[in-house]
Amino acid sequence: MNNSFQNLNKFLEEIKTIGFLQRIFVWGHVKKLSYDAYKEFNDLIQGLDTVYQNLTTEKNNFELSSRS
């Protein structure tokens, strides 16, 4: 998992600074950035899901061992 979120940051910065003419003539670049940022965002979500599942498993294991 990439922790720098470079594509996501680039996309958000581009959206904040894009002008009207750029929206018309440079939209292909923004669209590509959005796909890259979306992939990065999905990777982040999947990583967080994995961490959450691991945490839940460890919590359940701890609860079972503390009952014994």
Protein backbone atom coordinates (compact mmCIF):
# COMPACT_ATOMS: atom_id res chain seq x y z
CA MET A 1 0.00 0.00 0.00
CA ASN A 2 1.37 3.37 -0.99
CA ASN A 3 1.25 5.77 1.97
CA SER A 4 2.20 8.93 0.08
CA PHE A 5 -1.16 9.34 -1.75
CA GLN A 6 0.68 11.22 -4.47
CA ASN A 7 -1.98 10.73 -7.16
CA LEU A 8 -4.81 11.61 -4.82
CA ASN A 9 -3.07 14.80 -3.72
CA LYS A 10 -2.28 15.76 -7.33
CA PHE A 11 -5.90 15.24 -8.36
CA LEU A 12 -7.30 17.30 -5.48
CA GLU A 13 -4.81 20.09 -6.11
CA GLU A 14 -5.68 20.10 -9.83
CA ILE A 15 -9.41 20.31 -9.07
CA LYS A 16 -8.82 23.23 -6.68
CA THR A 17 -6.81 25.24 -9.20
CA ILE A 18 -8.40 24.37 -12.55
CA GLY A 19 -9.85 27.25 -14.53
CA PHE A 20 -12.77 27.39 -16.95
CA LEU A 21 -10.70 27.03 -20.13
CA GLN A 22 -8.71 24.18 -18.61
CA ARG A 23 -11.97 22.39 -17.88
CA ILE A 24 -12.79 22.56 -21.57
CA PHE A 25 -9.42 21.89 -23.17
CA VAL A 26 -7.44 19.87 -20.63
CA TRP A 27 -10.18 17.62 -19.29
CA GLY A 28 -8.42 14.44 -20.50
CA HIS A 29 -5.54 15.11 -18.08
CA VAL A 30 -7.94 15.66 -15.19
CA LYS A 31 -9.85 12.51 -16.09
CA LYS A 32 -6.64 10.44 -16.06
CA LEU A 33 -5.67 11.92 -12.70
CA SER A 34 -9.12 11.04 -11.36
CA TYR A 35 -8.73 7.39 -12.38
CA ASP A 36 -5.30 7.20 -10.74
CA ALA A 37 -6.61 8.89 -7.60
CA TYR A 38 -9.61 6.56 -7.47
CA LYS A 39 -7.34 3.52 -7.67
CA GLU A 40 -5.19 4.94 -4.88
CA PHE A 41 -8.29 5.65 -2.79
CA ASN A 42 -9.55 2.08 -3.29
CA ASP A 43 -6.14 0.75 -2.24
CA LEU A 44 -6.43 2.86 0.90
CA ILE A 45 -9.90 1.52 1.67
CA GLN A 46 -8.78 -2.08 1.13
CA GLY A 47 -5.80 -1.52 3.42
CA LEU A 48 -8.02 -0.08 6.11
CA ASP A 49 -10.43 -3.02 5.77
CA THR A 50 -7.52 -5.43 6.23
CA VAL A 51 -6.32 -3.57 9.33
CA TYR A 52 -9.86 -3.55 10.73
CA GLN A 53 -10.27 -7.30 10.14
CA ASN A 54 -6.92 -8.00 11.79
CA LEU A 55 -7.84 -5.83 14.75
CA THR A 56 -11.19 -7.59 15.13
CA THR A 57 -9.51 -11.00 14.99
CA GLU A 58 -6.95 -10.00 17.61
CA LYS A 59 -9.67 -8.56 19.84
CA ASN A 60 -11.68 -11.79 19.60
CA ASN A 61 -8.56 -13.87 20.34
CA PHE A 62 -7.79 -11.70 23.36
CA GLU A 63 -11.35 -12.02 24.67
CA LEU A 64 -11.24 -15.81 24.27
CA SER A 65 -7.88 -16.10 26.01
CA SER A 66 -8.94 -13.85 28.89
CA ARG A 67 -12.00 -16.01 29.57
CA SER A 68 -9.85 -19.10 30.10
